[in-house]
Protein backbone atom coordinates (compact mmCIF):
# COMPACT_ATOMS: atom_id res chain seq x y z
CA UNK A 1 19.86 15.41 23.06
CA UNK A 2 18.27 12.10 22.51
CA UNK A 3 16.00 11.32 19.42
CA UNK A 4 14.95 9.14 16.65
CA UNK A 5 14.18 10.25 13.06
CA UNK A 6 11.33 9.38 11.21
CA UNK A 7 11.03 8.88 7.64
CA UNK A 8 7.93 8.02 5.54
CA UNK A 9 9.65 7.88 2.24
CA UNK A 10 7.59 7.20 -1.01
CA UNK A 11 7.69 7.25 -4.66
CA UNK A 12 8.39 10.73 -5.19
CA UNK A 13 8.66 12.66 -1.58
CA UNK A 14 10.24 11.90 1.92
CA UNK A 15 8.89 13.40 4.80
CA UNK A 16 10.83 12.96 8.13
CA UNK A 17 10.82 14.46 11.67
CA UNK A 18 13.46 14.53 14.80
CA UNK A 19 11.66 13.25 17.54
CA UNK A 20 12.24 12.54 21.36
CA UNK A 21 10.76 9.53 21.81
CA UNK A 22 10.06 10.20 25.42
CA UNK A 23 8.71 13.23 25.47
CA UNK A 24 7.11 13.33 22.71
CA UNK A 25 9.28 16.95 21.23
CA UNK A 26 9.30 17.51 17.70
CA UNK A 27 12.98 19.04 17.26
CA UNK A 28 12.49 19.39 13.39
CA UNK A 29 10.66 18.61 10.63
CA UNK A 30 10.32 18.22 6.91
CA UNK A 31 9.53 17.28 3.48
CA UNK A 32 11.38 16.56 0.57
CA UNK A 33 9.02 16.21 -2.95
CA UNK A 34 9.02 16.02 -6.10
CA UNK A 35 11.56 13.48 -6.39
CA UNK A 36 12.99 12.36 -10.04
CA UNK A 37 11.20 15.53 -11.30
CA UNK A 38 12.54 18.49 -13.03
CA UNK A 39 12.28 20.59 -10.27
CA UNK A 40 12.25 19.20 -6.52
CA UNK A 41 11.62 20.79 -3.30
CA UNK A 42 13.01 20.96 -0.01
CA UNK A 43 10.96 22.80 3.42
CA UNK A 44 12.94 22.27 6.67
CA UNK A 45 10.79 23.36 9.40
CA UNK A 46 12.62 24.35 13.41
CA UNK A 47 11.84 26.47 16.07
CA UNK A 48 8.31 27.24 14.30
CA UNK A 49 10.73 28.81 11.01
CA UNK A 50 10.61 27.16 7.76
CA UNK A 51 12.67 26.97 5.25
CA UNK A 52 12.22 26.39 1.73
CA UNK A 53 14.62 25.52 -1.32
CA UNK A 54 13.79 24.43 -4.78
CA UNK A 55 16.42 22.25 -6.93
CA UNK A 56 16.20 19.05 -8.86
CA UNK A 57 16.05 15.69 -6.32
CA UNK A 58 17.05 12.88 -8.80
CA UNK A 59 16.70 10.26 -6.66
CA UNK A 60 16.01 8.82 -2.98
CA UNK A 61 19.78 9.35 -2.31
CA UNK A 62 19.94 12.89 -3.55
CA UNK A 63 16.93 13.32 -1.06
CA UNK A 64 18.73 11.87 1.58
CA UNK A 65 21.84 14.25 1.39
CA UNK A 66 19.15 17.13 1.15
CA UNK A 67 17.93 15.84 4.07
CA UNK A 68 21.35 15.99 6.25
CA UNK A 69 22.37 19.07 4.67
CA UNK A 70 19.29 20.69 5.41
CA UNK A 71 19.79 19.94 9.29
CA UNK A 72 23.68 21.00 9.04
CA UNK A 73 22.42 24.61 7.83
CA UNK A 74 19.13 25.11 9.91
CA UNK A 75 19.62 22.85 12.66
CA UNK A 76 19.63 21.01 14.94
CA UNK A 77 22.88 20.03 14.21
CA UNK A 78 22.35 16.01 13.56
CA UNK A 79 26.15 15.73 15.12
CA UNK A 80 25.19 16.97 18.54
CA UNK A 81 22.35 14.63 18.53
CA UNK A 82 21.99 11.27 20.16
CA UNK A 83 20.51 9.30 17.41
CA UNK A 84 18.94 6.29 18.94
CA UNK A 85 17.63 5.02 15.59
CA UNK A 86 16.17 5.78 12.24
CA UNK A 87 12.72 4.77 11.99
CA UNK A 88 11.12 4.10 8.87
CA UNK A 89 6.77 3.54 8.06
CA UNK A 90 6.70 0.52 5.66
CA UNK A 91 3.08 0.48 4.80
CA UNK A 92 2.91 -3.48 4.08
CA UNK A 93 4.78 -6.24 6.41
CA UNK A 94 2.36 -8.93 5.25
CA UNK A 95 1.65 -11.62 7.88
CA UNK A 96 5.67 -11.75 7.96
CA UNK A 97 6.22 -9.15 10.47
CA UNK A 98 3.36 -8.21 14.07
CA UNK A 99 6.13 -6.05 15.39
CA UNK A 100 9.04 -3.40 14.35
CA UNK A 101 11.78 -4.70 13.44
CA UNK A 102 15.76 -3.77 13.28
CA UNK A 103 16.51 -3.56 9.40
CA UNK A 104 18.71 -6.18 7.86
CA UNK A 105 19.36 -7.69 4.65
CA UNK A 106 16.92 -10.30 5.54
CA UNK A 107 13.88 -7.85 6.58
CA UNK A 108 15.03 -6.31 3.32
CA UNK A 109 14.85 -9.24 0.91
CA UNK A 110 11.04 -9.87 2.68
CA UNK A 111 9.55 -6.30 2.41
CA UNK A 112 10.63 -6.74 -1.44
CA UNK A 113 9.10 -9.97 -1.75
CA UNK A 114 6.16 -8.57 0.17
CA UNK A 115 5.90 -5.65 -2.74
CA UNK A 116 2.73 -7.20 -4.94
CA UNK A 117 0.66 -6.45 -1.86
CA UNK A 118 1.70 -3.05 -2.07
CA UNK A 119 3.09 -1.84 -5.40
CA UNK A 120 2.11 1.59 -5.16
CA UNK A 121 4.36 1.93 -1.42
CA UNK A 122 6.38 -0.67 -0.62
CA UNK A 123 9.00 0.46 -3.29
CA UNK A 124 9.35 3.66 -2.18
CA UNK A 125 9.48 2.71 1.50
CA UNK A 126 12.73 0.58 0.29
CA UNK A 127 13.95 3.26 -1.63
CA UNK A 128 14.28 5.44 1.56
CA UNK A 129 15.76 2.79 3.93
CA UNK A 130 18.69 1.88 1.21
CA UNK A 131 19.11 5.70 1.45
CA UNK A 132 19.35 6.40 5.27
CA UNK A 133 21.60 3.18 5.40
CA UNK A 134 23.54 4.70 3.57
CA UNK A 135 23.25 8.02 4.86
CA UNK A 136 23.73 6.67 8.66
CA UNK A 137 25.52 3.60 8.17
CA UNK A 138 26.31 3.88 11.89
CA UNK A 139 22.55 4.33 13.30
CA UNK A 140 20.65 1.36 13.74
CA UNK A 141 17.63 1.67 11.32
CA UNK A 142 13.88 -0.33 12.43
CA UNK A 143 11.29 -1.10 10.16
CA UNK A 144 7.66 -0.20 11.80
CA UNK A 145 4.89 -1.05 9.63
CA UNK A 146 1.45 -0.30 8.87
CA UNK A 147 -0.18 -3.59 9.19
CA UNK A 148 1.45 -5.02 12.29
CA UNK A 149 -0.85 -3.34 14.66
CA UNK A 150 -3.94 -5.67 12.97
CA UNK A 151 -1.73 -9.21 12.89
CA UNK A 152 -3.57 -9.67 16.27
CA UNK A 153 -6.51 -9.90 14.63
CA UNK A 154 -8.36 -13.48 14.95
CA UNK A 155 -8.16 -15.63 12.15
CA UNK A 156 -12.34 -15.19 11.97
CA UNK A 157 -11.62 -11.33 11.40
CA UNK A 158 -8.28 -12.12 9.02
CA UNK A 159 -9.45 -14.90 6.68
CA UNK A 160 -11.68 -14.06 3.53
CA UNK A 161 -13.93 -16.79 2.46
CA UNK A 162 -12.04 -17.74 -0.45
CA UNK A 163 -9.92 -20.76 -2.07
CA UNK A 164 -7.22 -22.31 -0.21
CA UNK A 165 -4.94 -21.63 -2.77
CA UNK A 166 -5.55 -18.06 -2.72
CA UNK A 167 -5.03 -17.59 1.00
CA UNK A 168 -1.96 -20.06 1.11
CA UNK A 169 0.03 -19.78 -1.90
CA UNK A 170 -0.80 -15.51 -2.72
CA UNK A 171 -1.14 -14.88 0.93
CA UNK A 172 -4.71 -13.18 0.05
CA UNK A 173 -6.54 -12.26 3.56
CA UNK A 174 -6.94 -9.04 5.52
CA UNK A 175 -4.20 -7.00 7.15
CA UNK A 176 -5.36 -3.34 7.36
CA UNK A 177 -3.74 -0.33 7.27
CA UNK A 178 -3.27 2.52 9.59
CA UNK A 179 -2.07 0.55 12.56
CA UNK A 180 0.58 3.08 14.02
CA UNK A 181 -2.32 5.78 13.98
CA UNK A 182 -4.73 3.27 15.71
CA UNK A 183 -2.30 1.94 17.93
CA UNK A 184 -1.02 5.08 18.92
CA UNK A 185 -5.04 6.99 19.67
CA UNK A 186 -6.11 4.05 21.29
CA UNK A 187 -3.34 4.02 23.38
CA UNK A 188 -3.75 7.75 24.60
CA UNK A 189 -7.64 7.58 24.96
CA UNK A 190 -6.56 4.75 27.43
CA UNK A 191 -4.39 7.16 29.32
CA UNK A 192 -6.88 10.30 29.02
CA UNK A 193 -9.52 8.42 30.49
CA UNK A 194 -7.13 6.84 33.02
CA UNK A 195 -8.48 3.57 32.84
CA UNK A 196 -6.11 0.57 32.30
CA UNK A 197 -6.11 -0.27 28.59
CA UNK A 198 -6.53 -3.74 29.14
CA UNK A 199 -10.08 -3.18 30.25
CA UNK A 200 -11.11 -1.08 27.34
CA UNK A 201 -13.14 -1.53 24.22
CA UNK A 202 -12.81 1.20 21.65
CA UNK A 203 -13.37 2.07 18.46
CA UNK A 204 -11.08 4.19 16.51
CA UNK A 205 -12.36 6.00 13.39
CA UNK A 206 -9.26 7.46 11.59
CA UNK A 207 -10.75 9.66 8.70
CA UNK A 208 -9.01 11.89 6.02
CA UNK A 209 -8.07 10.96 2.55
CA UNK A 210 -7.31 7.85 3.57
CA UNK A 211 -10.03 6.40 6.35
CA UNK A 212 -10.10 3.33 8.47
CA UNK A 213 -11.85 2.07 11.30
CA UNK A 214 -10.24 -0.21 13.92
CA UNK A 215 -12.42 -2.38 16.95
CA UNK A 216 -9.75 -2.54 19.71
CA UNK A 217 -9.81 -4.46 22.50
CA UNK A 218 -7.42 -4.53 25.76
CA UNK A 219 -4.75 -2.54 23.51
CA UNK A 220 -5.01 -4.89 20.56
CA UNK A 221 -6.32 -5.20 16.77
CA UNK A 222 -9.54 -7.35 16.96
CA UNK A 223 -11.12 -6.01 13.42
CA UNK A 224 -10.42 -3.56 10.90
CA UNK A 225 -12.15 -2.06 7.73
CA UNK A 226 -9.41 -1.91 5.65
CA UNK A 227 -8.47 -5.63 4.12
CA UNK A 228 -5.99 -7.04 1.50
CA UNK A 229 -5.16 -3.29 0.20
CA UNK A 230 -6.03 0.20 1.72
CA UNK A 231 -9.22 -0.38 -0.23
CA UNK A 232 -11.68 -1.85 1.34
CA UNK A 233 -13.57 -0.58 4.57
CA UNK A 234 -14.73 3.35 4.83
CA UNK A 235 -15.54 5.74 1.54
CA UNK A 236 -12.22 7.87 1.14
CA UNK A 237 -11.39 10.36 -0.73
CA UNK A 238 -10.61 8.95 -4.22
CA UNK A 239 -10.90 5.27 -2.95
CA UNK A 240 -14.74 3.50 -3.23
CA UNK A 241 -14.48 1.49 -0.13
CA UNK A 242 -16.66 -1.57 0.13
CA UNK A 243 -18.66 -2.75 -2.43
CA UNK A 244 -19.67 -5.86 -4.80
CA UNK A 245 -16.65 -8.05 -5.82
CA UNK A 246 -18.74 -8.79 -8.90
CA UNK A 247 -18.27 -5.27 -10.14
CA UNK A 248 -15.22 -6.06 -11.67
CA UNK A 249 -16.37 -8.76 -13.65
CA UNK A 250 -19.32 -6.64 -14.52
CA UNK A 251 -17.53 -3.49 -15.68
CA UNK A 252 -15.14 -6.07 -18.06
CA UNK A 253 -18.15 -7.37 -19.73
CA UNK A 254 -20.38 -4.53 -20.65
CA UNK A 255 -17.64 -1.60 -20.84
CA UNK A 256 -14.70 -3.95 -21.91
CA UNK A 257 -12.98 -2.32 -19.06
CA UNK A 258 -9.47 -3.65 -17.82
CA UNK A 259 -8.15 -4.90 -14.69
CA UNK A 260 -5.86 -2.00 -14.76
CA UNK A 261 -8.02 0.51 -15.29
CA UNK A 262 -10.33 -0.71 -13.14
CA UNK A 263 -7.92 -0.54 -9.99
CA UNK A 264 -7.16 3.07 -11.17
CA UNK A 265 -10.47 3.99 -11.00
CA UNK A 266 -11.15 2.50 -7.57
CA UNK A 267 -7.67 4.15 -6.42
CA UNK A 268 -7.95 7.26 -8.04
CA UNK A 269 -11.12 8.16 -9.36
CA UNK A 270 -13.68 6.92 -6.55
CA UNK A 271 -14.87 7.70 -3.22
CA UNK A 272 -15.72 11.57 -2.40
CA UNK A 273 -14.25 12.34 -5.91
CA UNK A 274 -16.43 10.15 -7.54
CA UNK A 275 -19.65 11.08 -6.25
CA UNK A 276 -19.17 14.93 -6.02
CA UNK A 277 -16.37 15.56 -8.62
CA UNK A 278 -14.43 16.72 -5.50
CA UNK A 279 -11.63 14.50 -3.14
CA UNK A 280 -11.77 17.10 -0.62
CA UNK A 281 -14.11 16.92 2.30
CA UNK A 282 -14.15 20.53 3.00
CA UNK A 283 -15.41 21.53 -0.25
CA UNK A 284 -17.94 19.03 0.00
CA UNK A 285 -19.05 20.05 2.69
CA UNK A 286 -19.25 23.95 1.45
CA UNK A 287 -21.30 22.92 -1.58
CA UNK A 288 -23.43 20.54 0.52
CA UNK A 289 -24.44 23.91 2.66
CA UNK A 290 -25.00 25.47 -0.95
CA UNK A 291 -27.83 22.66 -1.28
CA UNK A 292 -25.85 20.53 -3.67
CA UNK A 293 -27.87 17.39 -4.07
CA UNK A 294 -24.31 15.23 -4.82
CA UNK A 295 -22.81 16.59 -1.73
CA UNK A 296 -25.57 15.57 0.62
CA UNK A 297 -25.56 12.51 -0.99
CA UNK A 298 -22.00 11.82 -0.32
CA UNK A 299 -22.21 13.22 3.07
CA UNK A 300 -24.97 10.46 3.98
CA UNK A 301 -23.23 7.59 2.37
CA UNK A 302 -19.90 8.32 4.13
CA UNK A 303 -21.82 8.07 7.38
CA UNK A 304 -24.07 5.68 6.43
CA UNK A 305 -21.04 3.42 6.11
CA UNK A 306 -19.17 5.02 9.18
CA UNK A 307 -22.30 3.95 10.91
CA UNK A 308 -22.25 0.51 9.67
CA UNK A 309 -18.86 -0.01 10.72
CA UNK A 310 -19.28 1.24 14.27
CA UNK A 311 -22.37 -0.86 14.87
CA UNK A 312 -21.01 -3.93 13.38
CA UNK A 313 -17.40 -3.62 15.85
CA UNK A 314 -19.34 -2.63 18.98
CA UNK A 315 -21.01 -6.12 18.70
CA UNK A 316 -17.63 -7.98 17.63
CA UNK A 317 -16.62 -5.83 20.82
CA UNK A 318 -19.28 -6.73 22.97
CA UNK A 319 -20.28 -3.38 24.09
CA UNK A 320 -18.15 0.03 23.47
CA UNK A 321 -16.20 1.99 26.38
CA UNK A 322 -14.92 4.56 24.25
CA UNK A 323 -15.65 6.17 20.60
CA UNK A 324 -12.40 8.06 18.69
CA UNK A 325 -12.28 10.47 15.83
CA UNK A 326 -9.05 10.81 14.53
CA UNK A 327 -7.01 12.35 11.22
CA UNK A 328 -7.88 14.81 9.04
CA UNK A 329 -12.08 14.64 8.69
CA UNK A 330 -12.08 12.96 12.30
CA UNK A 331 -10.38 16.14 14.18
CA UNK A 332 -12.02 18.80 11.94
CA UNK A 333 -15.71 17.96 10.87
CA UNK A 334 -17.81 17.87 13.91
CA UNK A 335 -20.80 17.81 11.54
CA UNK A 336 -19.39 14.11 10.05
CA UNK A 337 -19.10 13.07 14.12
CA UNK A 338 -22.68 14.75 15.34
CA UNK A 339 -24.06 13.03 12.80
CA UNK A 340 -22.63 9.31 13.52
CA UNK A 341 -22.80 10.19 17.47
CA UNK A 342 -26.44 10.89 17.50
CA UNK A 343 -27.24 7.74 15.79
CA UNK A 344 -25.68 5.73 18.50
CA UNK A 345 -27.79 6.97 20.98
CA UNK A 346 -29.42 3.67 21.25
CA UNK A 347 -26.16 2.30 22.84
CA UNK A 348 -26.54 5.24 25.62
CA UNK A 349 -24.13 7.48 24.03
CA UNK A 350 -25.02 11.19 24.19
CA UNK A 351 -23.06 13.62 22.26
CA UNK A 352 -22.40 17.14 23.72
CA UNK A 353 -22.94 19.31 20.92
CA UNK A 354 -21.45 22.70 22.54
CA UNK A 355 -18.08 20.42 23.04
CA UNK A 356 -18.07 19.27 19.52
CA UNK A 357 -18.59 22.31 17.96
CA UNK A 358 -15.99 23.73 20.09
CA UNK A 359 -13.26 21.01 19.32
CA UNK A 360 -10.16 22.64 17.80
CA UNK A 361 -7.77 20.65 15.62
CA UNK A 362 -4.85 19.70 17.03
CA UNK A 363 -6.50 19.39 20.44
CA UNK A 364 -7.57 16.55 22.53
CA UNK A 365 -10.99 16.50 23.82
CA UNK A 366 -14.27 15.34 25.41
CA UNK A 367 -17.11 15.52 22.96
CA UNK A 368 -20.06 13.26 25.09
CA UNK A 369 -21.66 14.33 28.16
CA UNK A 370 -20.85 13.14 31.70
CA UNK A 371 -24.06 10.95 31.50
CA UNK A 372 -22.73 8.87 28.02
CA UNK A 373 -22.69 5.51 28.61
CA UNK A 374 -19.63 5.61 26.44
CA UNK A 375 -16.77 7.92 26.28
CA UNK A 376 -16.41 9.82 22.70
CA UNK A 377 -13.22 11.81 22.23
CA UNK A 378 -11.50 13.94 19.56
CA UNK A 379 -7.70 12.36 19.59
CA UNK A 380 -4.96 14.06 17.16
CA UNK A 381 -2.87 11.14 15.71
CA UNK A 382 0.80 11.20 15.48
CA UNK A 383 1.86 8.38 13.80
CA UNK A 384 5.62 9.54 13.72
CA UNK A 385 5.67 9.61 17.67
CA UNK A 386 4.33 5.92 17.51
CA UNK A 387 7.08 5.52 14.86
CA UNK A 388 9.88 6.79 16.81
CA UNK A 389 8.53 5.16 20.21
CA UNK A 390 8.54 1.86 18.55
CA UNK A 391 11.91 2.02 16.63
CA UNK A 392 13.31 3.45 20.41
CA UNK A 393 11.87 0.38 21.63
CA UNK A 394 13.24 -2.08 19.68
CA UNK A 395 17.44 -0.22 19.91
CA UNK A 396 16.85 -0.83 23.55
CA UNK A 397 15.74 -4.41 23.49
């Protein structure tokens, strides 16, 4: 068995999956959570059977030890696996990484230098890489960056109109995120359409607790909704998305709000949560069905923001061949999809309402009519497989 072990390490958790990068088959997956707390947990699923254990997980080194032990106890035995690489999700690669790279001391130093751009994510990513290098010293370690796919954006899309010293000394620009998802989905929809990726103009809507939109031309990102941080763009579970930059100064003056409190509010207390008191779109939609005016407003705000981006990106692309919904909300909520697509009739987009209602999470499917001028699809994302394939490509190059 030739496989890649994909690791997504956060500050208090490690998600992992063992994948065949060619066929996409998942041999096992797991989650180690509550790292650093008195009681942690290990979940390992293989052959449809979930094995669980609760015990302390003091740090990422201990988490990696528990990961290898889970494979030994429950399979597949990693000693019997031709482990081509360990692929690591790294959230922020800045402008330094436009492609996945094999981890070296210089790469680690650069990722650490980029911590100020992603202080909540890159430190956990680094801890995971360090632990994995110790656990698998003879296996190539490859860093795959969320931001890398968007490094093809033209300067006009990536540049903020801010002082030059900010842009040059403090690396202030649009970077974009969810790159592995957008890369996978845009390539997969081309395969489903049976058309060359190079001739397609696609807008991908990755709609989950974190949400982003990307304009993809000929397989390359040319614009995206997230910016310097994952706060910009669409309305998300707890993130505000686009707002007036003057808000920070206004709240400092009228509410004596500190920058730390401001960041906390926009990251953890805004979005759906700020509008309705719930960050879960399923709960918001249930309350909307009951006539809750806050939930109705939240739904309308989400849809309005989506329409602004789809319309704007269609103009950037000079037309649209495919619109794709992915991630939790994108795959699961036909009402969000319908509210967006029905408003795009002026582009010649026509929704097949029966297909939209019948779409099942985890299943690829066209939800536009045969006569629609734009193909509309639901395509489940597979970021782990994308990381596995990119990691394998680096090792085999």
